[in-house]
C-alpha cells in the first residue's frame, strides 16, 4: 500500500509552483498549516528531504527534484483516470478543448462541427494557437485534441493538411515595384510583419532577417497590415490566394527561391482515455481533411 496520498503530492507541487507554503495555501484554498503538515509528513514517510528553506522560499533539493518529476506523471494519470470515469458516467464528455495552429483554416473546423452527432451535448472550445503555443497546451494536458505543425517526441500524429507559405507584399510596395530579383540583403532593409508566438516561451520560425518588424497576434490582422502596405510577410498560400489573384498582393520575386511549408497533424494525447465526443470530433477532422 502506498504511504503517500495523491493529495500530498498535489500540495508539494503547489508549494514548488507558487514558491512557498503561504502561496500554495492561497492557490489551493487551504490553510497554511494544512499544507505545511502534509508536505512535512510526506518527507517523513519517504525519509527523504524534498524541500529546504532558502530565505523566504521553499526550494527543492536534488532528491526532491527527481521525485517531483516522477510524481508529475502520477498526477496526470490520476487526472486522466478521473476524466475517463466522468466520460463513461455521462456518455458524452462535458467538455472538449481543441488547440489548433492558426494556419489551419477555420472553414474546415466549421464543417467538422457540422458533422458532430446531433445528440452530442458536449461543450466544445476551440483555441487558436501559434507556433509553440499549440504544443504547450499538449504538454500541459489542457487540450483533448491538438492540430499542430510539429509532432513532439513521445506523441503520435496523423497527417492532415499541408500548407505552403509565400513571401508577399502589397502590389505597390517597393519590393514589388520592378521586375528586379530581390536578394536577402535587400529584403532585410524592409519591415517584416511577424505573427507572435502564443506560447509562454516564444520562439521564432521562418525567415526573420529584417531588422524592422511589426509583430501581430493573429494572421488575419497581419494580412490586413500587409494589404495596407505596412510591410512584407510569409503567409499560408490559402490565406492570401484571393488577394494575389485580385492583384492587391504580389509574391516577392526572391533570388534564393526560399520555400516554407507546414504539414499539420492531428494528435489525440491519450486515446485510451478519450471519450466518444472527442473521438467523433477527431474522425470528423480527419474526414474533412481527406475531402
C-alpha atoms as a PDB file:
ATOM      1  CA  UNK A   1       0.000   0.000   0.000  1.00  0.00           C
ATOM      2  CA  UNK A   2       1.266   3.462  -0.892  1.00  0.00           C
ATOM      3  CA  UNK A   3       2.497   5.544   2.033  1.00  0.00           C
ATOM      4  CA  UNK A   4       1.802   8.892   0.361  1.00  0.00           C
ATOM      5  CA  UNK A   5      -1.538  10.134  -0.964  1.00  0.00           C
ATOM      6  CA  UNK A   6      -2.136  11.926  -4.258  1.00  0.00           C
ATOM      7  CA  UNK A   7      -3.291  14.965  -2.293  1.00  0.00           C
ATOM      8  CA  UNK A   8       0.125  15.206  -0.604  1.00  0.00           C
ATOM      9  CA  UNK A   9       1.843  15.179  -3.993  1.00  0.00           C
ATOM     10  CA  UNK A  10      -0.565  17.873  -5.230  1.00  0.00           C
ATOM     11  CA  UNK A  11       0.289  20.042  -2.229  1.00  0.00           C
ATOM     12  CA  UNK A  12       4.018  19.589  -2.842  1.00  0.00           C
ATOM     13  CA  UNK A  13       3.597  20.616  -6.478  1.00  0.00           C
ATOM     14  CA  UNK A  14       1.635  23.683  -5.385  1.00  0.00           C
ATOM     15  CA  UNK A  15       4.381  24.725  -2.937  1.00  0.00           C
ATOM     16  CA  UNK A  16       7.029  24.436  -5.676  1.00  0.00           C
ATOM     17  CA  UNK A  17       4.891  26.076  -8.376  1.00  0.00           C
ATOM     18  CA  UNK A  18       3.826  29.033  -6.250  1.00  0.00           C
ATOM     19  CA  UNK A  19       7.092  29.458  -4.347  1.00  0.00           C
ATOM     20  CA  UNK A  20       6.056  28.809  -0.756  1.00  0.00           C
ATOM     21  CA  UNK A  21       3.573  27.361   1.740  1.00  0.00           C
ATOM     22  CA  UNK A  22       1.523  30.543   2.103  1.00  0.00           C
ATOM     23  CA  UNK A  23       1.176  30.970  -1.661  1.00  0.00           C
ATOM     24  CA  UNK A  24       0.254  27.299  -2.110  1.00  0.00           C
ATOM     25  CA  UNK A  25      -2.357  27.581   0.636  1.00  0.00           C
ATOM     26  CA  UNK A  26      -3.948  30.541  -1.126  1.00  0.00           C
ATOM     27  CA  UNK A  27      -3.916  28.765  -4.503  1.00  0.00           C
ATOM     28  CA  UNK A  28      -5.467  25.553  -3.093  1.00  0.00           C
ATOM     29  CA  UNK A  29      -7.861  27.368  -0.731  1.00  0.00           C
ATOM     30  CA  UNK A  30      -6.438  25.556   2.292  1.00  0.00           C
ATOM     31  CA  UNK A  31      -4.774  26.738   5.480  1.00  0.00           C
ATOM     32  CA  UNK A  32      -1.015  27.203   5.517  1.00  0.00           C
ATOM     33  CA  UNK A  33      -0.739  24.792   8.450  1.00  0.00           C
ATOM     34  CA  UNK A  34      -2.506  22.071   6.439  1.00  0.00           C
ATOM     35  CA  UNK A  35      -0.086  22.480   3.535  1.00  0.00           C
ATOM     36  CA  UNK A  36       2.946  22.539   5.821  1.00  0.00           C
ATOM     37  CA  UNK A  37       1.807  19.492   7.817  1.00  0.00           C
ATOM     38  CA  UNK A  38       1.057  17.425   4.678  1.00  0.00           C
ATOM     39  CA  UNK A  39       4.375  18.178   2.956  1.00  0.00           C
ATOM     40  CA  UNK A  40       6.404  17.594   6.131  1.00  0.00           C
ATOM     41  CA  UNK A  41       4.551  14.309   6.672  1.00  0.00           C
ATOM     42  CA  UNK A  42       5.386  13.324   3.083  1.00  0.00           C
ATOM     43  CA  UNK A  43       9.080  13.879   3.760  1.00  0.00           C
ATOM     44  CA  UNK A  44       8.910  11.824   6.979  1.00  0.00           C
ATOM     45  CA  UNK A  45       7.043   8.989   5.297  1.00  0.00           C
ATOM     46  CA  UNK A  46       9.585   8.777   2.462  1.00  0.00           C
ATOM     47  CA  UNK A  47      12.528   9.522   4.757  1.00  0.00           C
ATOM     48  CA  UNK A  48      13.863  11.972   2.160  1.00  0.00           C
ATOM     49  CA  UNK A  49      14.369  15.733   2.417  1.00  0.00           C
ATOM     50  CA  UNK A  50      12.441  17.153  -0.512  1.00  0.00           C
ATOM     51  CA  UNK A  51      12.395  20.861   0.353  1.00  0.00           C
ATOM     52  CA  UNK A  52      14.800  23.214   2.051  1.00  0.00           C
ATOM     53  CA  UNK A  53      14.129  26.810   3.074  1.00  0.00           C
ATOM     54  CA  UNK A  54      16.362  29.437   1.488  1.00  0.00           C
ATOM     55  CA  UNK A  55      15.467  32.931   2.629  1.00  0.00           C
ATOM     56  CA  UNK A  56      11.690  33.036   2.416  1.00  0.00           C
ATOM     57  CA  UNK A  57      11.331  30.462  -0.352  1.00  0.00           C
ATOM     58  CA  UNK A  58      10.934  26.683  -0.252  1.00  0.00           C
ATOM     59  CA  UNK A  59      13.448  25.219  -2.712  1.00  0.00           C
ATOM     60  CA  UNK A  60      13.694  21.648  -3.997  1.00  0.00           C
ATOM     61  CA  UNK A  61      16.679  19.519  -3.037  1.00  0.00           C
ATOM     62  CA  UNK A  62      18.270  17.329  -5.708  1.00  0.00           C
ATOM     63  CA  UNK A  63      16.302  14.360  -4.416  1.00  0.00           C
ATOM     64  CA  UNK A  64      13.161  16.489  -4.340  1.00  0.00           C
ATOM     65  CA  UNK A  65      13.623  17.444  -7.981  1.00  0.00           C
ATOM     66  CA  UNK A  66      13.770  13.770  -9.004  1.00  0.00           C
ATOM     67  CA  UNK A  67      10.644  12.922  -7.001  1.00  0.00           C
ATOM     68  CA  UNK A  68       8.770  15.939  -8.315  1.00  0.00           C
ATOM     69  CA  UNK A  69       9.414  14.890 -11.912  1.00  0.00           C
ATOM     70  CA  UNK A  70       8.356  11.295 -11.233  1.00  0.00           C
ATOM     71  CA  UNK A  71       5.194  12.417  -9.437  1.00  0.00           C
ATOM     72  CA  UNK A  72       4.100  14.607 -12.385  1.00  0.00           C
ATOM     73  CA  UNK A  73       3.157  11.537 -14.422  1.00  0.00           C
ATOM     74  CA  UNK A  74       1.384  10.071 -11.374  1.00  0.00           C
ATOM     75  CA  UNK A  75      -0.836  13.151 -11.038  1.00  0.00           C
ATOM     76  CA  UNK A  76      -1.511  13.314 -14.776  1.00  0.00           C
ATOM     77  CA  UNK A  77      -2.522   9.641 -14.853  1.00  0.00           C
ATOM     78  CA  UNK A  78      -4.813  10.218 -11.878  1.00  0.00           C
ATOM     79  CA  UNK A  79      -6.494  13.177 -13.565  1.00  0.00           C
ATOM     80  CA  UNK A  80      -6.872  11.221 -16.805  1.00  0.00           C
ATOM     81  CA  UNK A  81      -8.450   8.301 -14.932  1.00  0.00           C
ATOM     82  CA  UNK A  82     -10.946  10.599 -13.218  1.00  0.00           C
ATOM     83  CA  UNK A  83     -11.750  12.241 -16.529  1.00  0.00           C
ATOM     84  CA  UNK A  84     -12.298   8.860 -18.188  1.00  0.00           C
ATOM     85  CA  UNK A  85     -14.636   7.785 -15.388  1.00  0.00           C
ATOM     86  CA  UNK A  86     -16.601  11.022 -15.763  1.00  0.00           C
ATOM     87  CA  UNK A  87     -16.931  10.461 -19.531  1.00  0.00           C
ATOM     88  CA  UNK A  88     -18.154   6.891 -19.055  1.00  0.00           C
ATOM     89  CA  UNK A  89     -20.709   8.015 -16.469  1.00  0.00           C
ATOM     90  CA  UNK A  90     -22.109  10.788 -18.677  1.00  0.00           C
ATOM     91  CA  UNK A  91     -21.964   9.019 -22.022  1.00  0.00           C
ATOM     92  CA  UNK A  92     -20.667  12.195 -23.658  1.00  0.00           C
ATOM     93  CA  UNK A  93     -17.858  14.278 -22.191  1.00  0.00           C
ATOM     94  CA  UNK A  94     -18.858  17.523 -20.547  1.00  0.00           C
ATOM     95  CA  UNK A  95     -16.157  19.489 -22.405  1.00  0.00           C
ATOM     96  CA  UNK A  96     -13.675  19.167 -25.276  1.00  0.00           C
ATOM     97  CA  UNK A  97     -10.788  21.561 -25.900  1.00  0.00           C
ATOM     98  CA  UNK A  98      -9.180  21.605 -29.347  1.00  0.00           C
ATOM     99  CA  UNK A  99      -5.915  23.532 -29.660  1.00  0.00           C
ATOM    100  CA  UNK A 100      -5.187  24.232 -33.324  1.00  0.00           C
ATOM    101  CA  UNK A 101      -2.368  26.009 -35.116  1.00  0.00           C
ATOM    102  CA  UNK A 102      -3.515  29.276 -36.671  1.00  0.00           C
ATOM    103  CA  UNK A 103      -2.582  28.059 -40.170  1.00  0.00           C
ATOM    104  CA  UNK A 104      -5.410  25.516 -40.042  1.00  0.00           C
ATOM    105  CA  UNK A 105      -8.449  27.010 -41.827  1.00  0.00           C
ATOM    106  CA  UNK A 106     -11.445  27.881 -39.671  1.00  0.00           C
ATOM    107  CA  UNK A 107     -13.774  26.961 -42.558  1.00  0.00           C
ATOM    108  CA  UNK A 108     -12.617  23.332 -42.212  1.00  0.00           C
ATOM    109  CA  UNK A 109     -13.345  23.373 -38.482  1.00  0.00           C
ATOM    110  CA  UNK A 110     -16.843  24.754 -39.135  1.00  0.00           C
ATOM    111  CA  UNK A 111     -17.564  21.796 -41.419  1.00  0.00           C
ATOM    112  CA  UNK A 112     -16.202  19.410 -38.766  1.00  0.00           C
ATOM    113  CA  UNK A 113     -18.559  20.854 -36.147  1.00  0.00           C
ATOM    114  CA  UNK A 114     -21.497  20.335 -38.513  1.00  0.00           C
ATOM    115  CA  UNK A 115     -20.617  16.635 -38.691  1.00  0.00           C
ATOM    116  CA  UNK A 116     -20.833  16.089 -34.910  1.00  0.00           C
ATOM    117  CA  UNK A 117     -23.760  13.826 -33.831  1.00  0.00           C
ATOM    118  CA  UNK A 118     -26.913  15.812 -33.093  1.00  0.00           C
ATOM    119  CA  UNK A 119     -27.345  14.041 -29.725  1.00  0.00           C
ATOM    120  CA  UNK A 120     -23.900  15.214 -28.565  1.00  0.00           C
ATOM    121  CA  UNK A 121     -24.365  17.973 -25.985  1.00  0.00           C
ATOM    122  CA  UNK A 122     -20.660  18.355 -25.232  1.00  0.00           C
ATOM    123  CA  UNK A 123     -19.310  21.888 -24.859  1.00  0.00           C
ATOM    124  CA  UNK A 124     -16.528  22.400 -27.414  1.00  0.00           C
ATOM    125  CA  UNK A 125     -13.821  25.044 -27.010  1.00  0.00           C
ATOM    126  CA  UNK A 126     -11.586  25.951 -29.966  1.00  0.00           C
ATOM    127  CA  UNK A 127      -8.284  27.596 -29.023  1.00  0.00           C
ATOM    128  CA  UNK A 128      -6.279  29.160 -31.862  1.00  0.00           C
ATOM    129  CA  UNK A 129      -2.552  28.971 -31.162  1.00  0.00           C
ATOM    130  CA  UNK A 130       0.688  29.973 -32.870  1.00  0.00           C
ATOM    131  CA  UNK A 131       3.995  28.059 -33.005  1.00  0.00           C
ATOM    132  CA  UNK A 132       4.965  26.691 -29.564  1.00  0.00           C
ATOM    133  CA  UNK A 133       1.628  27.672 -28.015  1.00  0.00           C
ATOM    134  CA  UNK A 134      -0.016  24.644 -29.639  1.00  0.00           C
ATOM    135  CA  UNK A 135       2.312  22.071 -28.140  1.00  0.00           C
ATOM    136  CA  UNK A 136       2.339  23.872 -24.787  1.00  0.00           C
ATOM    137  CA  UNK A 137      -1.345  23.011 -24.454  1.00  0.00           C
ATOM    138  CA  UNK A 138      -0.497  19.432 -25.429  1.00  0.00           C
ATOM    139  CA  UNK A 139       2.244  19.089 -22.792  1.00  0.00           C
ATOM    140  CA  UNK A 140       0.161  20.706 -20.060  1.00  0.00           C
ATOM    141  CA  UNK A 141      -2.764  18.354 -20.674  1.00  0.00           C
ATOM    142  CA  UNK A 142      -5.139  21.262 -21.305  1.00  0.00           C
ATOM    143  CA  UNK A 143      -6.147  20.056 -24.780  1.00  0.00           C
ATOM    144  CA  UNK A 144      -8.162  16.935 -25.621  1.00  0.00           C
ATOM    145  CA  UNK A 145      -7.252  17.273 -29.306  1.00  0.00           C
ATOM    146  CA  UNK A 146      -4.366  19.109 -30.956  1.00  0.00           C
ATOM    147  CA  UNK A 147      -3.729  20.199 -34.536  1.00  0.00           C
ATOM    148  CA  UNK A 148      -0.048  21.080 -34.745  1.00  0.00           C
ATOM    149  CA  UNK A 149       2.687  21.704 -37.289  1.00  0.00           C
ATOM    150  CA  UNK A 150       5.247  19.761 -35.226  1.00  0.00           C
ATOM    151  CA  UNK A 151       4.698  16.408 -33.537  1.00  0.00           C
ATOM    152  CA  UNK A 152       6.795  16.349 -30.350  1.00  0.00           C
ATOM    153  CA  UNK A 153       8.690  13.286 -29.199  1.00  0.00           C
ATOM    154  CA  UNK A 154       6.514  10.820 -27.311  1.00  0.00           C
ATOM    155  CA  UNK A 155       3.330  11.558 -29.284  1.00  0.00           C
ATOM    156  CA  UNK A 156       1.809  10.133 -32.466  1.00  0.00           C
ATOM    157  CA  UNK A 157       0.283  12.438 -35.053  1.00  0.00           C
ATOM    158  CA  UNK A 158      -1.897  11.697 -38.062  1.00  0.00           C
ATOM    159  CA  UNK A 159      -1.114  13.862 -41.140  1.00  0.00           C
ATOM    160  CA  UNK A 160      -3.869  16.298 -42.080  1.00  0.00           C
ATOM    161  CA  UNK A 161      -3.252  19.229 -44.457  1.00  0.00           C
ATOM    162  CA  UNK A 162      -0.057  20.612 -45.977  1.00  0.00           C
ATOM    163  CA  UNK A 163       0.318  24.401 -46.176  1.00  0.00           C
ATOM    164  CA  UNK A 164       2.905  26.132 -48.398  1.00  0.00           C
ATOM    165  CA  UNK A 165       3.870  29.689 -47.382  1.00  0.00           C
ATOM    166  CA  UNK A 166       4.515  32.570 -49.792  1.00  0.00           C
ATOM    167  CA  UNK A 167       6.527  35.794 -49.287  1.00  0.00           C
ATOM    168  CA  UNK A 168       4.107  38.592 -50.216  1.00  0.00           C
ATOM    169  CA  UNK A 169       3.749  42.373 -50.151  1.00  0.00           C
ATOM    170  CA  UNK A 170       1.243  44.899 -51.495  1.00  0.00           C
ATOM    171  CA  UNK A 171       1.469  45.308 -55.286  1.00  0.00           C
ATOM    172  CA  UNK A 172       2.890  48.842 -54.967  1.00  0.00           C
ATOM    173  CA  UNK A 173       5.330  48.027 -52.167  1.00  0.00           C
ATOM    174  CA  UNK A 174       8.967  48.854 -53.086  1.00  0.00           C
ATOM    175  CA  UNK A 175       9.758  45.127 -53.112  1.00  0.00           C
ATOM    176  CA  UNK A 176       7.277  44.675 -55.972  1.00  0.00           C
ATOM    177  CA  UNK A 177       7.745  47.863 -57.987  1.00  0.00           C
ATOM    178  CA  UNK A 178      10.124  46.382 -60.556  1.00  0.00           C
ATOM    179  CA  UNK A 179      10.953  43.046 -62.095  1.00  0.00           C
ATOM    180  CA  UNK A 180      14.202  43.031 -60.144  1.00  0.00           C
ATOM    181  CA  UNK A 181      15.135  39.867 -58.292  1.00  0.00           C
ATOM    182  CA  UNK A 182      15.145  40.530 -54.537  1.00  0.00           C
ATOM    183  CA  UNK A 183      18.147  39.358 -52.532  1.00  0.00           C
ATOM    184  CA  UNK A 184      18.110  38.613 -48.816  1.00  0.00           C
ATOM    185  CA  UNK A 185      20.156  41.761 -48.187  1.00  0.00           C
ATOM    186  CA  UNK A 186      17.505  43.877 -49.909  1.00  0.00           C
ATOM    187  CA  UNK A 187      14.757  42.058 -48.001  1.00  0.00           C
ATOM    188  CA  UNK A 188      16.471  42.836 -44.692  1.00  0.00           C
ATOM    189  CA  UNK A 189      16.078  46.544 -45.379  1.00  0.00           C
ATOM    190  CA  UNK A 190      12.277  46.389 -45.304  1.00  0.00           C
ATOM    191  CA  UNK A 191       9.810  45.957 -42.458  1.00  0.00           C
ATOM    192  CA  UNK A 192       8.598  42.392 -41.900  1.00  0.00           C
ATOM    193  CA  UNK A 193       5.180  41.609 -40.445  1.00  0.00           C
ATOM    194  CA  UNK A 194       5.523  38.720 -37.981  1.00  0.00           C
ATOM    195  CA  UNK A 195       2.952  36.535 -36.195  1.00  0.00           C
ATOM    196  CA  UNK A 196       3.583  36.423 -32.444  1.00  0.00           C
ATOM    197  CA  UNK A 197       4.166  33.023 -30.841  1.00  0.00           C
ATOM    198  CA  UNK A 198       1.256  32.356 -28.456  1.00  0.00           C
ATOM    199  CA  UNK A 199       3.379  30.178 -26.154  1.00  0.00           C
ATOM    200  CA  UNK A 200       4.944  31.328 -22.902  1.00  0.00           C
ATOM    201  CA  UNK A 201       8.425  30.510 -24.240  1.00  0.00           C
ATOM    202  CA  UNK A 202       8.221  32.334 -27.534  1.00  0.00           C
ATOM    203  CA  UNK A 203      10.250  31.056 -30.468  1.00  0.00           C
ATOM    204  CA  UNK A 204      10.951  32.410 -33.942  1.00  0.00           C
ATOM    205  CA  UNK A 205      10.096  30.480 -37.077  1.00  0.00           C
ATOM    206  CA  UNK A 206      10.777  31.026 -40.756  1.00  0.00           C
ATOM    207  CA  UNK A 207      12.805  33.840 -42.300  1.00  0.00           C
ATOM    208  CA  UNK A 208      13.221  36.628 -39.734  1.00  0.00           C
ATOM    209  CA  UNK A 209      16.153  38.562 -41.136  1.00  0.00           C
ATOM    210  CA  UNK A 210      14.589  42.027 -41.220  1.00  0.00           C
ATOM    211  CA  UNK A 211      15.755  44.488 -38.577  1.00  0.00           C
ATOM    212  CA  UNK A 212      12.404  46.300 -38.612  1.00  0.00           C
ATOM    213  CA  UNK A 213       9.441  44.175 -37.565  1.00  0.00           C
ATOM    214  CA  UNK A 214       5.752  44.664 -36.919  1.00  0.00           C
ATOM    215  CA  UNK A 215       4.535  41.861 -34.620  1.00  0.00           C
ATOM    216  CA  UNK A 216       0.855  40.885 -34.734  1.00  0.00           C
ATOM    217  CA  UNK A 217      -1.002  38.316 -32.636  1.00  0.00           C
ATOM    218  CA  UNK A 218      -3.077  36.732 -35.432  1.00  0.00           C
ATOM    219  CA  UNK A 219      -2.855  36.000 -39.145  1.00  0.00           C
ATOM    220  CA  UNK A 220      -5.983  37.898 -40.223  1.00  0.00           C
ATOM    221  CA  UNK A 221      -4.756  41.205 -38.756  1.00  0.00           C
ATOM    222  CA  UNK A 222      -1.255  40.628 -40.137  1.00  0.00           C
ATOM    223  CA  UNK A 223      -2.691  40.172 -43.639  1.00  0.00           C
ATOM    224  CA  UNK A 224      -4.607  43.447 -43.312  1.00  0.00           C
ATOM    225  CA  UNK A 225      -1.377  45.211 -42.324  1.00  0.00           C
ATOM    226  CA  UNK A 226       0.423  43.860 -45.391  1.00  0.00           C
ATOM    227  CA  UNK A 227      -2.532  44.776 -47.626  1.00  0.00           C
ATOM    228  CA  UNK A 228      -2.179  48.340 -46.319  1.00  0.00           C
ATOM    229  CA  UNK A 229       1.459  48.392 -47.399  1.00  0.00           C
ATOM    230  CA  UNK A 230       2.972  48.341 -43.901  1.00  0.00           C
ATOM    231  CA  UNK A 231       5.448  45.576 -44.682  1.00  0.00           C
ATOM    232  CA  UNK A 232       6.017  42.154 -46.224  1.00  0.00           C
ATOM    233  CA  UNK A 233       5.344  38.734 -44.690  1.00  0.00           C
ATOM    234  CA  UNK A 234       5.270  34.986 -45.208  1.00  0.00           C
ATOM    235  CA  UNK A 235       1.665  33.759 -45.233  1.00  0.00           C
ATOM    236  CA  UNK A 236      -0.043  30.432 -45.926  1.00  0.00           C
ATOM    237  CA  UNK A 237      -0.926  30.404 -49.631  1.00  0.00           C
ATOM    238  CA  UNK A 238      -4.523  29.508 -48.802  1.00  0.00           C
ATOM    239  CA  UNK A 239      -4.975  32.707 -46.765  1.00  0.00           C
ATOM    240  CA  UNK A 240      -3.717  35.103 -49.451  1.00  0.00           C
ATOM    241  CA  UNK A 241      -4.714  33.333 -52.659  1.00  0.00           C
ATOM    242  CA  UNK A 242      -7.703  35.598 -53.353  1.00  0.00           C
ATOM    243  CA  UNK A 243      -5.676  38.773 -52.697  1.00  0.00           C
ATOM    244  CA  UNK A 244      -2.928  37.540 -55.040  1.00  0.00           C
ATOM    245  CA  UNK A 245      -5.478  36.691 -57.754  1.00  0.00           C
ATOM    246  CA  UNK A 246      -7.101  40.117 -57.363  1.00  0.00           C
ATOM    247  CA  UNK A 247      -3.695  41.798 -57.732  1.00  0.00           C
ATOM    248  CA  UNK A 248      -3.748  43.512 -54.330  1.00  0.00           C
ATOM    249  CA  UNK A 249      -0.895  41.332 -53.049  1.00  0.00           C
ATOM    250  CA  UNK A 250       2.034  40.094 -55.079  1.00  0.00           C
ATOM    251  CA  UNK A 251       4.522  37.295 -54.447  1.00  0.00           C
ATOM    252  CA  UNK A 252       8.005  38.751 -53.925  1.00  0.00           C
ATOM    253  CA  UNK A 253      10.499  37.592 -56.557  1.00  0.00           C
ATOM    254  CA  UNK A 254      13.189  36.235 -54.230  1.00  0.00           C
ATOM    255  CA  UNK A 255      16.618  35.367 -55.556  1.00  0.00           C
ATOM    256  CA  UNK A 256      17.040  32.497 -53.090  1.00  0.00           C
ATOM    257  CA  UNK A 257      13.681  30.929 -54.005  1.00  0.00           C
ATOM    258  CA  UNK A 258      13.351  30.022 -50.338  1.00  0.00           C
ATOM    259  CA  UNK A 259      10.255  27.995 -49.550  1.00  0.00           C
ATOM    260  CA  UNK A 260       8.383  27.410 -46.313  1.00  0.00           C
ATOM    261  CA  UNK A 261       5.682  24.907 -45.574  1.00  0.00           C
ATOM    262  CA  UNK A 262       3.865  23.348 -42.634  1.00  0.00           C
ATOM    263  CA  UNK A 263       2.444  19.842 -42.512  1.00  0.00           C
ATOM    264  CA  UNK A 264      -0.290  19.780 -39.884  1.00  0.00           C
ATOM    265  CA  UNK A 265      -1.009  16.695 -37.781  1.00  0.00           C
ATOM    266  CA  UNK A 266      -3.850  15.633 -35.508  1.00  0.00           C
ATOM    267  CA  UNK A 267      -2.831  14.372 -32.060  1.00  0.00           C
ATOM    268  CA  UNK A 268      -5.103  12.656 -29.550  1.00  0.00           C
ATOM    269  CA  UNK A 269      -2.961  12.971 -26.397  1.00  0.00           C
ATOM    270  CA  UNK A 270      -4.420   9.926 -24.656  1.00  0.00           C
ATOM    271  CA  UNK A 271      -6.532   7.825 -26.997  1.00  0.00           C
ATOM    272  CA  UNK A 272      -7.247   5.154 -24.381  1.00  0.00           C
ATOM    273  CA  UNK A 273      -9.000   7.693 -22.173  1.00  0.00           C
ATOM    274  CA  UNK A 274     -10.587   9.759 -24.964  1.00  0.00           C
ATOM    275  CA  UNK A 275     -14.370   9.969 -24.718  1.00  0.00           C
ATOM    276  CA  UNK A 276     -16.894   9.381 -27.533  1.00  0.00           C
ATOM    277  CA  UNK A 277     -17.289  13.071 -28.347  1.00  0.00           C
ATOM    278  CA  UNK A 278     -13.503  13.557 -28.601  1.00  0.00           C
ATOM    279  CA  UNK A 279     -13.180  10.540 -30.897  1.00  0.00           C
ATOM    280  CA  UNK A 280     -16.147  11.687 -33.008  1.00  0.00           C
ATOM    281  CA  UNK A 281     -14.615  15.156 -33.405  1.00  0.00           C
ATOM    282  CA  UNK A 282     -11.258  13.614 -34.344  1.00  0.00           C
ATOM    283  CA  UNK A 283     -12.913  11.466 -37.021  1.00  0.00           C
ATOM    284  CA  UNK A 284     -14.773  14.495 -38.380  1.00  0.00           C
ATOM    285  CA  UNK A 285     -11.476  16.409 -38.671  1.00  0.00           C
ATOM    286  CA  UNK A 286      -9.745  13.534 -40.487  1.00  0.00           C
ATOM    287  CA  UNK A 287     -12.709  13.030 -42.825  1.00  0.00           C
ATOM    288  CA  UNK A 288     -12.908  16.734 -43.683  1.00  0.00           C
ATOM    289  CA  UNK A 289      -9.181  16.925 -44.439  1.00  0.00           C
ATOM    290  CA  UNK A 290      -9.369  13.910 -46.767  1.00  0.00           C
ATOM    291  CA  UNK A 291     -12.108  15.677 -48.718  1.00  0.00           C
END
